[in-house]
Amino acid sequence: MEERLYISELIKSDLAVSSEKASIVFNKLQKNLKLNVSTIIDFSGIKSLTTAFLNVAIGELYRYEKKDTLNKYISIDVSTLSKLQIDKVKMVMDNSRTKYNSELKKKIDEVTLHGETD
């Protein structure tokens, strides 16, 4: 099953700038992931897109899902983004991958070290 997710319709705005609106997108994407629904994110009609919005809407997904799962089930229709917006999306995705991979490694190291000292 596949769904095209029109961001402007979902958040009822052409401004994708607030973390509150981004949470709506995040929750929808999480729901689709749990149902194994492939989702194409469509930014048609979005006039303003901030990294604050993208960090919550997309970046936070890396905290809960593996990169491979996200690549399998979520795609972005880049034809609906400007060059600057594409750069913002790439930056947020790269930063999120790095951040959450580092956090996971740290947690694994803590568990391993804790287990060895007991």
PDB file of N, CA and C in Angstrom:
ATOM      1  N   MET A   1       0.840  -1.173   0.000  1.00  0.00           N
ATOM      2  CA  MET A   1       0.000   0.000   0.000  1.00  0.00           C
ATOM      3  C   MET A   1       0.889   1.242   0.000  1.00  0.00           C
ATOM      4  N   GLU A   2       0.435   2.279  -0.711  1.00  0.00           N
ATOM      5  CA  GLU A   2       1.203   3.512  -0.826  1.00  0.00           C
ATOM      6  C   GLU A   2       0.293   4.712  -0.626  1.00  0.00           C
ATOM      7  N   GLU A   3       0.833   5.725   0.022  1.00  0.00           N
ATOM      8  CA  GLU A   3       0.073   6.953   0.258  1.00  0.00           C
ATOM      9  C   GLU A   3       0.940   8.156  -0.073  1.00  0.00           C
ATOM     10  N   ARG A   4       0.346   9.120  -0.761  1.00  0.00           N
ATOM     11  CA  ARG A   4       1.012  10.397  -0.990  1.00  0.00           C
ATOM     12  C   ARG A   4       0.539  11.334   0.103  1.00  0.00           C
ATOM     13  N   LEU A   5       1.479  11.838   0.889  1.00  0.00           N
ATOM     14  CA  LEU A   5       1.165  12.695   2.025  1.00  0.00           C
ATOM     15  C   LEU A   5       1.423  14.153   1.641  1.00  0.00           C
ATOM     16  N   TYR A   6       0.337  14.884   1.442  1.00  0.00           N
ATOM     17  CA  TYR A   6       0.428  16.300   1.090  1.00  0.00           C
ATOM     18  C   TYR A   6       0.566  17.104   2.377  1.00  0.00           C
ATOM     19  N   ILE A   7       1.757  17.621   2.604  1.00  0.00           N
ATOM     20  CA  ILE A   7       2.052  18.316   3.856  1.00  0.00           C
ATOM     21  C   ILE A   7       1.138  19.517   4.060  1.00  0.00           C
ATOM     22  N   SER A   8       0.925  20.313   3.025  1.00  0.00           N
ATOM     23  CA  SER A   8       0.091  21.515   3.181  1.00  0.00           C
ATOM     24  C   SER A   8      -1.338  21.167   3.591  1.00  0.00           C
ATOM     25  N   GLU A   9      -1.858  20.065   3.085  1.00  0.00           N
ATOM     26  CA  GLU A   9      -3.210  19.635   3.472  1.00  0.00           C
ATOM     27  C   GLU A   9      -3.227  19.102   4.903  1.00  0.00           C
ATOM     28  N   LEU A  10      -2.207  18.333   5.251  1.00  0.00           N
ATOM     29  CA  LEU A  10      -2.160  17.735   6.582  1.00  0.00           C
ATOM     30  C   LEU A  10      -2.050  18.798   7.679  1.00  0.00           C
ATOM     31  N   ILE A  11      -1.190  19.804   7.449  1.00  0.00           N
ATOM     32  CA  ILE A  11      -0.997  20.828   8.482  1.00  0.00           C
ATOM     33  C   ILE A  11      -1.920  22.031   8.287  1.00  0.00           C
ATOM     34  N   LYS A  12      -2.709  21.999   7.195  1.00  0.00           N
ATOM     35  CA  LYS A  12      -3.665  23.066   6.890  1.00  0.00           C
ATOM     36  C   LYS A  12      -2.995  24.440   6.841  1.00  0.00           C
ATOM     37  N   SER A  13      -1.840  24.477   6.157  1.00  0.00           N
ATOM     38  CA  SER A  13      -1.079  25.717   6.045  1.00  0.00           C
ATOM     39  C   SER A  13      -0.060  25.587   4.921  1.00  0.00           C
ATOM     40  N   ASP A  14       0.368  26.740   4.399  1.00  0.00           N
ATOM     41  CA  ASP A  14       1.451  26.726   3.417  1.00  0.00           C
ATOM     42  C   ASP A  14       2.785  27.084   4.080  1.00  0.00           C
ATOM     43  N   LEU A  15       2.755  27.177   5.412  1.00  0.00           N
ATOM     44  CA  LEU A  15       3.961  27.478   6.183  1.00  0.00           C
ATOM     45  C   LEU A  15       4.326  26.279   7.059  1.00  0.00           C
ATOM     46  N   ALA A  16       5.396  25.616   6.699  1.00  0.00           N
ATOM     47  CA  ALA A  16       5.878  24.464   7.474  1.00  0.00           C
ATOM     48  C   ALA A  16       7.025  24.957   8.346  1.00  0.00           C
ATOM     49  N   VAL A  17       6.647  25.609   9.451  1.00  0.00           N
ATOM     50  CA  VAL A  17       7.650  26.283  10.267  1.00  0.00           C
ATOM     51  C   VAL A  17       7.626  25.909  11.747  1.00  0.00           C
ATOM     52  N   SER A  18       6.504  25.460  12.258  1.00  0.00           N
ATOM     53  CA  SER A  18       6.413  25.235  13.709  1.00  0.00           C
ATOM     54  C   SER A  18       6.568  23.761  14.074  1.00  0.00           C
ATOM     55  N   SER A  19       7.095  23.544  15.270  1.00  0.00           N
ATOM     56  CA  SER A  19       7.247  22.169  15.747  1.00  0.00           C
ATOM     57  C   SER A  19       5.882  21.536  16.026  1.00  0.00           C
ATOM     58  N   GLU A  20       4.886  22.364  16.349  1.00  0.00           N
ATOM     59  CA  GLU A  20       3.538  21.834  16.587  1.00  0.00           C
ATOM     60  C   GLU A  20       2.966  21.221  15.306  1.00  0.00           C
ATOM     61  N   LYS A  21       3.112  21.934  14.199  1.00  0.00           N
ATOM     62  CA  LYS A  21       2.640  21.408  12.905  1.00  0.00           C
ATOM     63  C   LYS A  21       3.480  20.197  12.492  1.00  0.00           C
ATOM     64  N   ALA A  22       4.761  20.263  12.782  1.00  0.00           N
ATOM     65  CA  ALA A  22       5.653  19.152  12.437  1.00  0.00           C
ATOM     66  C   ALA A  22       5.273  17.880  13.181  1.00  0.00           C
ATOM     67  N   SER A  23       4.794  18.026  14.401  1.00  0.00           N
ATOM     68  CA  SER A  23       4.369  16.856  15.186  1.00  0.00           C
ATOM     69  C   SER A  23       3.222  16.119  14.516  1.00  0.00           C
ATOM     70  N   ILE A  24       2.361  16.859  13.842  1.00  0.00           N
ATOM     71  CA  ILE A  24       1.254  16.242  13.101  1.00  0.00           C
ATOM     72  C   ILE A  24       1.820  15.335  12.007  1.00  0.00           C
ATOM     73  N   VAL A  25       2.817  15.839  11.296  1.00  0.00           N
ATOM     74  CA  VAL A  25       3.457  15.069  10.224  1.00  0.00           C
ATOM     75  C   VAL A  25       4.180  13.857  10.807  1.00  0.00           C
ATOM     76  N   PHE A  26       4.946  14.073  11.864  1.00  0.00           N
ATOM     77  CA  PHE A  26       5.672  12.981  12.513  1.00  0.00           C
ATOM     78  C   PHE A  26       4.720  11.865  12.928  1.00  0.00           C
ATOM     79  N   ASN A  27       3.629  12.230  13.574  1.00  0.00           N
ATOM     80  CA  ASN A  27       2.662  11.223  14.040  1.00  0.00           C
ATOM     81  C   ASN A  27       2.055  10.441  12.878  1.00  0.00           C
ATOM     82  N   LYS A  28       1.760  11.124  11.787  1.00  0.00           N
ATOM     83  CA  LYS A  28       1.202  10.453  10.606  1.00  0.00           C
ATOM     84  C   LYS A  28       2.229   9.486  10.009  1.00  0.00           C
ATOM     85  N   LEU A  29       3.478   9.929   9.915  1.00  0.00           N
ATOM     86  CA  LEU A  29       4.521   9.062   9.369  1.00  0.00           C
ATOM     87  C   LEU A  29       4.763   7.853  10.269  1.00  0.00           C
ATOM     88  N   GLN A  30       4.766   8.065  11.573  1.00  0.00           N
ATOM     89  CA  GLN A  30       4.923   6.951  12.521  1.00  0.00           C
ATOM     90  C   GLN A  30       3.798   5.932  12.348  1.00  0.00           C
ATOM     91  N   LYS A  31       2.582   6.431  12.221  1.00  0.00           N
ATOM     92  CA  LYS A  31       1.424   5.547  12.038  1.00  0.00           C
ATOM     93  C   LYS A  31       1.580   4.723  10.759  1.00  0.00           C
ATOM     94  N   ASN A  32       1.960   5.394   9.665  1.00  0.00           N
ATOM     95  CA  ASN A  32       2.141   4.692   8.398  1.00  0.00           C
ATOM     96  C   ASN A  32       3.254   3.649   8.488  1.00  0.00           C
ATOM     97  N   LEU A  33       4.335   3.974   9.193  1.00  0.00           N
ATOM     98  CA  LEU A  33       5.427   3.013   9.363  1.00  0.00           C
ATOM     99  C   LEU A  33       4.955   1.773  10.107  1.00  0.00           C
ATOM    100  N   LYS A  34       4.188   1.974  11.159  1.00  0.00           N
ATOM    101  CA  LYS A  34       3.674   0.839  11.941  1.00  0.00           C
ATOM    102  C   LYS A  34       2.768  -0.061  11.100  1.00  0.00           C
ATOM    103  N   LEU A  35       2.082   0.544  10.122  1.00  0.00           N
ATOM    104  CA  LEU A  35       1.176  -0.209   9.248  1.00  0.00           C
ATOM    105  C   LEU A  35       1.865  -0.692   7.968  1.00  0.00           C
ATOM    106  N   ASN A  36       3.180  -0.439   7.869  1.00  0.00           N
ATOM    107  CA  ASN A  36       3.952  -0.788   6.668  1.00  0.00           C
ATOM    108  C   ASN A  36       3.396  -0.144   5.406  1.00  0.00           C
ATOM    109  N   VAL A  37       2.965   1.102   5.532  1.00  0.00           N
ATOM    110  CA  VAL A  37       2.457   1.865   4.392  1.00  0.00           C
ATOM    111  C   VAL A  37       3.600   2.709   3.835  1.00  0.00           C
ATOM    112  N   SER A  38       3.917   2.521   2.561  1.00  0.00           N
ATOM    113  CA  SER A  38       4.915   3.362   1.912  1.00  0.00           C
ATOM    114  C   SER A  38       4.332   4.758   1.744  1.00  0.00           C
ATOM    115  N   THR A  39       5.115   5.765   2.111  1.00  0.00           N
ATOM    116  CA  THR A  39       4.623   7.137   2.090  1.00  0.00           C
ATOM    117  C   THR A  39       5.530   8.014   1.251  1.00  0.00           C
ATOM    118  N   ILE A  40       4.923   8.741   0.329  1.00  0.00           N
ATOM    119  CA  ILE A  40       5.637   9.737  -0.461  1.00  0.00           C
ATOM    120  C   ILE A  40       5.271  11.095   0.119  1.00  0.00           C
ATOM    121  N   ILE A  41       6.270  11.807   0.622  1.00  0.00           N
ATOM    122  CA  ILE A  41       6.030  13.124   1.205  1.00  0.00           C
ATOM    123  C   ILE A  41       6.038  14.154   0.087  1.00  0.00           C
ATOM    124  N   ASP A  42       4.961  14.936   0.029  1.00  0.00           N
ATOM    125  CA  ASP A  42       4.768  15.928  -1.027  1.00  0.00           C
ATOM    126  C   ASP A  42       4.664  17.315  -0.392  1.00  0.00           C
ATOM    127  N   PHE A  43       5.608  18.185  -0.742  1.00  0.00           N
ATOM    128  CA  PHE A  43       5.639  19.535  -0.189  1.00  0.00           C
ATOM    129  C   PHE A  43       5.000  20.567  -1.121  1.00  0.00           C
ATOM    130  N   SER A  44       4.205  20.133  -2.081  1.00  0.00           N
ATOM    131  CA  SER A  44       3.525  21.066  -2.988  1.00  0.00           C
ATOM    132  C   SER A  44       2.752  22.100  -2.182  1.00  0.00           C
ATOM    133  N   GLY A  45       2.880  23.359  -2.585  1.00  0.00           N
ATOM    134  CA  GLY A  45       2.128  24.422  -1.928  1.00  0.00           C
ATOM    135  C   GLY A  45       2.764  24.974  -0.673  1.00  0.00           C
ATOM    136  N   ILE A  46       3.878  24.403  -0.248  1.00  0.00           N
ATOM    137  CA  ILE A  46       4.568  24.915   0.940  1.00  0.00           C
ATOM    138  C   ILE A  46       5.462  26.082   0.512  1.00  0.00           C
ATOM    139  N   LYS A  47       5.187  27.255   1.086  1.00  0.00           N
ATOM    140  CA  LYS A  47       5.952  28.458   0.746  1.00  0.00           C
ATOM    141  C   LYS A  47       7.190  28.618   1.616  1.00  0.00           C
ATOM    142  N   SER A  48       7.087  28.202   2.871  1.00  0.00           N
ATOM    143  CA  SER A  48       8.207  28.342   3.797  1.00  0.00           C
ATOM    144  C   SER A  48       8.400  27.028   4.545  1.00  0.00           C
ATOM    145  N   LEU A  49       9.656  26.576   4.582  1.00  0.00           N
ATOM    146  CA  LEU A  49      10.003  25.305   5.216  1.00  0.00           C
ATOM    147  C   LEU A  49      11.246  25.528   6.066  1.00  0.00           C
ATOM    148  N   THR A  50      11.137  25.279   7.370  1.00  0.00           N
ATOM    149  CA  THR A  50      12.275  25.511   8.262  1.00  0.00           C
ATOM    150  C   THR A  50      12.893  24.199   8.735  1.00  0.00           C
ATOM    151  N   THR A  51      14.148  24.296   9.155  1.00  0.00           N
ATOM    152  CA  THR A  51      14.805  23.112   9.707  1.00  0.00           C
ATOM    153  C   THR A  51      14.161  22.710  11.033  1.00  0.00           C
ATOM    154  N   ALA A  52      13.615  23.676  11.760  1.00  0.00           N
ATOM    155  CA  ALA A  52      12.911  23.338  13.012  1.00  0.00           C
ATOM    156  C   ALA A  52      11.744  22.396  12.720  1.00  0.00           C
ATOM    157  N   PHE A  53      11.008  22.680  11.663  1.00  0.00           N
ATOM    158  CA  PHE A  53       9.896  21.826  11.243  1.00  0.00           C
ATOM    159  C   PHE A  53      10.425  20.453  10.825  1.00  0.00           C
ATOM    160  N   LEU A  54      11.447  20.450   9.984  1.00  0.00           N
ATOM    161  CA  LEU A  54      11.988  19.197   9.457  1.00  0.00           C
ATOM    162  C   LEU A  54      12.605  18.319  10.546  1.00  0.00           C
ATOM    163  N   ASN A  55      13.239  18.942  11.531  1.00  0.00           N
ATOM    164  CA  ASN A  55      13.832  18.166  12.632  1.00  0.00           C
ATOM    165  C   ASN A  55      12.788  17.333  13.351  1.00  0.00           C
ATOM    166  N   VAL A  56      11.619  17.910  13.575  1.00  0.00           N
ATOM    167  CA  VAL A  56      10.557  17.183  14.274  1.00  0.00           C
ATOM    168  C   VAL A  56       9.825  16.244  13.319  1.00  0.00           C
ATOM    169  N   ALA A  57       9.461  16.733  12.149  1.00  0.00           N
ATOM    170  CA  ALA A  57       8.647  15.952  11.211  1.00  0.00           C
ATOM    171  C   ALA A  57       9.385  14.731  10.673  1.00  0.00           C
ATOM    172  N   ILE A  58      10.651  14.902  10.334  1.00  0.00           N
ATOM    173  CA  ILE A  58      11.409  13.830   9.686  1.00  0.00           C
ATOM    174  C   ILE A  58      12.597  13.372  10.529  1.00  0.00           C
ATOM    175  N   GLY A  59      13.354  14.321  11.050  1.00  0.00           N
ATOM    176  CA  GLY A  59      14.562  13.987  11.801  1.00  0.00           C
ATOM    177  C   GLY A  59      14.319  13.077  12.986  1.00  0.00           C
ATOM    178  N   GLU A  60      13.238  13.307  13.705  1.00  0.00           N
ATOM    179  CA  GLU A  60      12.924  12.498  14.890  1.00  0.00           C
ATOM    180  C   GLU A  60      12.644  11.035  14.548  1.00  0.00           C
ATOM    181  N   LEU A  61      12.273  10.760  13.306  1.00  0.00           N
ATOM    182  CA  LEU A  61      12.014   9.375  12.914  1.00  0.00           C
ATOM    183  C   LEU A  61      13.251   8.504  13.111  1.00  0.00           C
ATOM    184  N   TYR A  62      14.435   9.111  12.936  1.00  0.00           N
ATOM    185  CA  TYR A  62      15.680   8.360  13.079  1.00  0.00           C
ATOM    186  C   TYR A  62      15.930   7.932  14.520  1.00  0.00           C
ATOM    187  N   ARG A  63      15.253   8.556  15.461  1.00  0.00           N
ATOM    188  CA  ARG A  63      15.378   8.156  16.866  1.00  0.00           C
ATOM    189  C   ARG A  63      14.706   6.804  17.098  1.00  0.00           C
ATOM    190  N   TYR A  64      13.650   6.534  16.341  1.00  0.00           N
ATOM    191  CA  TYR A  64      12.814   5.357  16.595  1.00  0.00           C
ATOM    192  C   TYR A  64      12.911   4.264  15.540  1.00  0.00           C
ATOM    193  N   GLU A  65      13.374   4.619  14.357  1.00  0.00           N
ATOM    194  CA  GLU A  65      13.397   3.653  13.255  1.00  0.00           C
ATOM    195  C   GLU A  65      14.795   3.540  12.673  1.00  0.00           C
ATOM    196  N   LYS A  66      15.097   2.382  12.127  1.00  0.00           N
ATOM    197  CA  LYS A  66      16.368   2.179  11.447  1.00  0.00           C
ATOM    198  C   LYS A  66      16.341   2.892  10.100  1.00  0.00           C
ATOM    199  N   LYS A  67      17.520   3.302   9.677  1.00  0.00           N
ATOM    200  CA  LYS A  67      17.667   3.991   8.392  1.00  0.00           C
ATOM    201  C   LYS A  67      17.084   3.149   7.252  1.00  0.00           C
ATOM    202  N   ASP A  68      17.351   1.855   7.259  1.00  0.00           N
ATOM    203  CA  ASP A  68      16.859   0.977   6.193  1.00  0.00           C
ATOM    204  C   ASP A  68      15.335   0.950   6.143  1.00  0.00           C
ATOM    205  N   THR A  69      14.701   0.945   7.302  1.00  0.00           N
ATOM    206  CA  THR A  69      13.234   0.959   7.364  1.00  0.00           C
ATOM    207  C   THR A  69      12.695   2.260   6.796  1.00  0.00           C
ATOM    208  N   LEU A  70      13.319   3.370   7.188  1.00  0.00           N
ATOM    209  CA  LEU A  70      12.871   4.670   6.679  1.00  0.00           C
ATOM    210  C   LEU A  70      13.060   4.755   5.167  1.00  0.00           C
ATOM    211  N   ASN A  71      14.197   4.274   4.680  1.00  0.00           N
ATOM    212  CA  ASN A  71      14.438   4.298   3.237  1.00  0.00           C
ATOM    213  C   ASN A  71      13.433   3.439   2.475  1.00  0.00           C
ATOM    214  N   LYS A  72      13.002   2.359   3.093  1.00  0.00           N
ATOM    215  CA  LYS A  72      12.056   1.453   2.441  1.00  0.00           C
ATOM    216  C   LYS A  72      10.651   2.048   2.364  1.00  0.00           C
ATOM    217  N   TYR A  73      10.225   2.701   3.439  1.00  0.00           N
ATOM    218  CA  TYR A  73       8.825   3.114   3.534  1.00  0.00           C
ATOM    219  C   TYR A  73       8.558   4.607   3.348  1.00  0.00           C
ATOM    220  N   ILE A  74       9.585   5.437   3.393  1.00  0.00           N
ATOM    221  CA  ILE A  74       9.348   6.874   3.270  1.00  0.00           C
ATOM    222  C   ILE A  74      10.231   7.450   2.176  1.00  0.00           C
ATOM    223  N   SER A  75       9.607   8.203   1.290  1.00  0.00           N
ATOM    224  CA  SER A  75      10.364   8.920   0.268  1.00  0.00           C
ATOM    225  C   SER A  75       9.822  10.340   0.169  1.00  0.00           C
ATOM    226  N   ILE A  76      10.643  11.211  -0.376  1.00  0.00           N
ATOM    227  CA  ILE A  76      10.259  12.612  -0.534  1.00  0.00           C
ATOM    228  C   ILE A  76      10.258  12.926  -2.015  1.00  0.00           C
ATOM    229  N   ASP A  77       9.163  13.489  -2.486  1.00  0.00           N
ATOM    230  CA  ASP A  77       9.071  13.913  -3.879  1.00  0.00           C
ATOM    231  C   ASP A  77       9.842  15.226  -4.002  1.00  0.00           C
ATOM    232  N   VAL A  78      11.115  15.119  -4.406  1.00  0.00           N
ATOM    233  CA  VAL A  78      11.968  16.306  -4.459  1.00  0.00           C
ATOM    234  C   VAL A  78      11.528  17.305  -5.517  1.00  0.00           C
ATOM    235  N   SER A  79      10.696  16.876  -6.449  1.00  0.00           N
ATOM    236  CA  SER A  79      10.195  17.817  -7.458  1.00  0.00           C
ATOM    237  C   SER A  79       9.247  18.846  -6.837  1.00  0.00           C
ATOM    238  N   THR A  80       8.825  18.601  -5.590  1.00  0.00           N
ATOM    239  CA  THR A  80       7.931  19.536  -4.903  1.00  0.00           C
ATOM    240  C   THR A  80       8.702  20.486  -3.983  1.00  0.00           C
ATOM    241  N   LEU A  81      10.042  20.441  -4.065  1.00  0.00           N
ATOM    242  CA  LEU A  81      10.901  21.276  -3.229  1.00  0.00           C
ATOM    243  C   LEU A  81      11.801  22.159  -4.082  1.00  0.00           C
ATOM    244  N   SER A  82      12.157  23.323  -3.549  1.00  0.00           N
ATOM    245  CA  SER A  82      13.152  24.177  -4.197  1.00  0.00           C
ATOM    246  C   SER A  82      14.543  23.627  -3.864  1.00  0.00           C
ATOM    247  N   LYS A  83      15.559  24.127  -4.537  1.00  0.00           N
ATOM    248  CA  LYS A  83      16.939  23.697  -4.272  1.00  0.00           C
ATOM    249  C   LYS A  83      17.301  23.962  -2.810  1.00  0.00           C
ATOM    250  N   LEU A  84      16.956  25.132  -2.296  1.00  0.00           N
ATOM    251  CA  LEU A  84      17.246  25.471  -0.902  1.00  0.00           C
ATOM    252  C   LEU A  84      16.531  24.517   0.057  1.00  0.00           C
ATOM    253  N   GLN A  85      15.283  24.195  -0.245  1.00  0.00           N
ATOM    254  CA  GLN A  85      14.525  23.270   0.602  1.00  0.00           C
ATOM    255  C   GLN A  85      15.121  21.865   0.564  1.00  0.00           C
ATOM    256  N   ILE A  86      15.559  21.436  -0.606  1.00  0.00           N
ATOM    257  CA  ILE A  86      16.215  20.123  -0.722  1.00  0.00           C
ATOM    258  C   ILE A  86      17.461  20.089   0.158  1.00  0.00           C
ATOM    259  N   ASP A  87      18.240  21.167   0.121  1.00  0.00           N
ATOM    260  CA  ASP A  87      19.445  21.246   0.952  1.00  0.00           C
ATOM    261  C   ASP A  87      19.101  21.159   2.436  1.00  0.00           C
ATOM    262  N   LYS A  88      18.013  21.808   2.845  1.00  0.00           N
ATOM    263  CA  LYS A  88      17.578  21.752   4.248  1.00  0.00           C
ATOM    264  C   LYS A  88      17.192  20.324   4.634  1.00  0.00           C
ATOM    265  N   VAL A  89      16.450  19.649   3.764  1.00  0.00           N
ATOM    266  CA  VAL A  89      16.031  18.269   4.039  1.00  0.00           C
ATOM    267  C   VAL A  89      17.256  17.370   4.181  1.00  0.00           C
ATOM    268  N   LYS A  90      18.199  17.487   3.257  1.00  0.00           N
ATOM    269  CA  LYS A  90      19.416  16.667   3.310  1.00  0.00           C
ATOM    270  C   LYS A  90      20.193  16.918   4.596  1.00  0.00           C
ATOM    271  N   MET A  91      20.318  18.199   4.970  1.00  0.00           N
ATOM    272  CA  MET A  91      21.058  18.549   6.175  1.00  0.00           C
ATOM    273  C   MET A  91      20.405  17.937   7.417  1.00  0.00           C
ATOM    274  N   VAL A  92      19.094  18.053   7.519  1.00  0.00           N
ATOM    275  CA  VAL A  92      18.372  17.503   8.674  1.00  0.00           C
ATOM    276  C   VAL A  92      18.520  15.988   8.722  1.00  0.00           C
ATOM    277  N   MET A  93      18.390  15.331   7.585  1.00  0.00           N
ATOM    278  CA  MET A  93      18.514  13.871   7.558  1.00  0.00           C
ATOM    279  C   MET A  93      19.923  13.430   7.947  1.00  0.00           C
ATOM    280  N   ASP A  94      20.933  14.092   7.402  1.00  0.00           N
ATOM    281  CA  ASP A  94      22.319  13.744   7.738  1.00  0.00           C
ATOM    282  C   ASP A  94      22.600  13.960   9.224  1.00  0.00           C
ATOM    283  N   ASN A  95      22.165  15.107   9.740  1.00  0.00           N
ATOM    284  CA  ASN A  95      22.389  15.405  11.159  1.00  0.00           C
ATOM    285  C   ASN A  95      21.662  14.413  12.061  1.00  0.00           C
ATOM    286  N   SER A  96      20.453  14.050  11.694  1.00  0.00           N
ATOM    287  CA  SER A  96      19.667  13.113  12.507  1.00  0.00           C
ATOM    288  C   SER A  96      20.290  11.727  12.503  1.00  0.00           C
ATOM    289  N   ARG A  97      20.735  11.279  11.350  1.00  0.00           N
ATOM    290  CA  ARG A  97      21.396   9.969  11.274  1.00  0.00           C
ATOM    291  C   ARG A  97      22.618   9.942  12.180  1.00  0.00           C
ATOM    292  N   THR A  98      23.425  10.992  12.099  1.00  0.00           N
ATOM    293  CA  THR A  98      24.639  11.076  12.907  1.00  0.00           C
ATOM    294  C   THR A  98      24.303  11.136  14.390  1.00  0.00           C
ATOM    295  N   LYS A  99      23.368  11.996  14.746  1.00  0.00           N
ATOM    296  CA  LYS A  99      22.997  12.181  16.151  1.00  0.00           C
ATOM    297  C   LYS A  99      22.473  10.892  16.766  1.00  0.00           C
ATOM    298  N   TYR A 100      21.512  10.274  16.108  1.00  0.00           N
ATOM    299  CA  TYR A 100      20.881   9.111  16.716  1.00  0.00           C
ATOM    300  C   TYR A 100      21.746   7.870  16.640  1.00  0.00           C
ATOM    301  N   ASN A 101      22.619   7.765  15.638  1.00  0.00           N
ATOM    302  CA  ASN A 101      23.575   6.655  15.609  1.00  0.00           C
ATOM    303  C   ASN A 101      24.577   6.792  16.748  1.00  0.00           C
ATOM    304  N   SER A 102      25.011   8.032  17.026  1.00  0.00           N
ATOM    305  CA  SER A 102      25.945   8.280  18.126  1.00  0.00           C
ATOM    306  C   SER A 102      25.299   7.960  19.465  1.00  0.00           C
ATOM    307  N   GLU A 103      24.036   8.365  19.636  1.00  0.00           N
ATOM    308  CA  GLU A 103      23.326   8.084  20.883  1.00  0.00           C
ATOM    309  C   GLU A 103      23.156   6.585  21.093  1.00  0.00           C
ATOM    310  N   LEU A 104      22.832   5.861  20.027  1.00  0.00           N
ATOM    311  CA  LEU A 104      22.669   4.414  20.128  1.00  0.00           C
ATOM    312  C   LEU A 104      23.991   3.752  20.507  1.00  0.00           C
ATOM    313  N   LYS A 105      25.070   4.173  19.853  1.00  0.00           N
ATOM    314  CA  LYS A 105      26.386   3.611  20.162  1.00  0.00           C
ATOM    315  C   LYS A 105      26.743   3.875  21.623  1.00  0.00           C
ATOM    316  N   LYS A 106      26.466   5.081  22.108  1.00  0.00           N
ATOM    317  CA  LYS A 106      26.770   5.422  23.501  1.00  0.00           C
ATOM    318  C   LYS A 106      25.980   4.527  24.461  1.00  0.00           C
ATOM    319  N   LYS A 107      24.690   4.303  24.162  1.00  0.00           N
ATOM    320  CA  LYS A 107      23.864   3.447  25.019  1.00  0.00           C
ATOM    321  C   LYS A 107      24.387   2.016  25.036  1.00  0.00           C
ATOM    322  N   ILE A 108      24.781   1.524  23.872  1.00  0.00           N
ATOM    323  CA  ILE A 108      25.326   0.165  23.785  1.00  0.00           C
ATOM    324  C   ILE A 108      26.617   0.076  24.593  1.00  0.00           C
ATOM    325  N   ASP A 109      27.480   1.088  24.457  1.00  0.00           N
ATOM    326  CA  ASP A 109      28.731   1.111  25.216  1.00  0.00           C
ATOM    327  C   ASP A 109      28.466   1.141  26.716  1.00  0.00           C
ATOM    328  N   GLU A 110      27.479   1.935  27.143  1.00  0.00           N
ATOM    329  CA  GLU A 110      27.149   2.023  28.569  1.00  0.00           C
ATOM    330  C   GLU A 110      26.665   0.676  29.102  1.00  0.00           C
ATOM    331  N   VAL A 111      25.821   0.005  28.340  1.00  0.00           N
ATOM    332  CA  VAL A 111      25.310  -1.304  28.760  1.00  0.00           C
ATOM    333  C   VAL A 111      26.454  -2.308  28.829  1.00  0.00           C
ATOM    334  N   THR A 112      27.312  -2.292  27.832  1.00  0.00           N
ATOM    335  CA  THR A 112      28.445  -3.215  27.790  1.00  0.00           C
ATOM    336  C   THR A 112      29.386  -2.959  28.964  1.00  0.00           C
ATOM    337  N   LEU A 113      29.728  -1.699  29.182  1.00  0.00           N
ATOM    338  CA  LEU A 113      30.623  -1.362  30.286  1.00  0.00           C
ATOM    339  C   LEU A 113      29.992  -1.696  31.630  1.00  0.00           C
ATOM    340  N   HIS A 114      28.715  -1.404  31.763  1.00  0.00           N
ATOM    341  CA  HIS A 114      28.012  -1.694  33.015  1.00  0.00           C
ATOM    342  C   HIS A 114      28.019  -3.199  33.286  1.00  0.00           C
ATOM    343  N   GLY A 115      27.791  -3.959  32.255  1.00  0.00           N
ATOM    344  CA  GLY A 115      27.761  -5.414  32.402  1.00  0.00           C
ATOM    345  C   GLY A 115      29.114  -5.980  32.792  1.00  0.00           C
ATOM    346  N   GLU A 116      30.207  -5.369  32.311  1.00  0.00           N
ATOM    347  CA  GLU A 116      31.547  -5.870  32.609  1.00  0.00           C
ATOM    348  C   GLU A 116      31.992  -5.531  34.029  1.00  0.00           C
ATOM    349  N   THR A 117      31.463  -4.453  34.597  1.00  0.00           N
ATOM    350  CA  THR A 117      31.916  -4.040  35.922  1.00  0.00           C
ATOM    351  C   THR A 117      31.150  -4.715  37.039  1.00  0.00           C
ATOM    352  N   ASP A 118      30.034  -5.345  36.733  1.00  0.00           N
ATOM    353  CA  ASP A 118      29.233  -6.006  37.778  1.00  0.00           C
ATOM    354  C   ASP A 118      29.800  -7.348  38.150  1.00  0.00           C
TER     355      ASP A 118
END
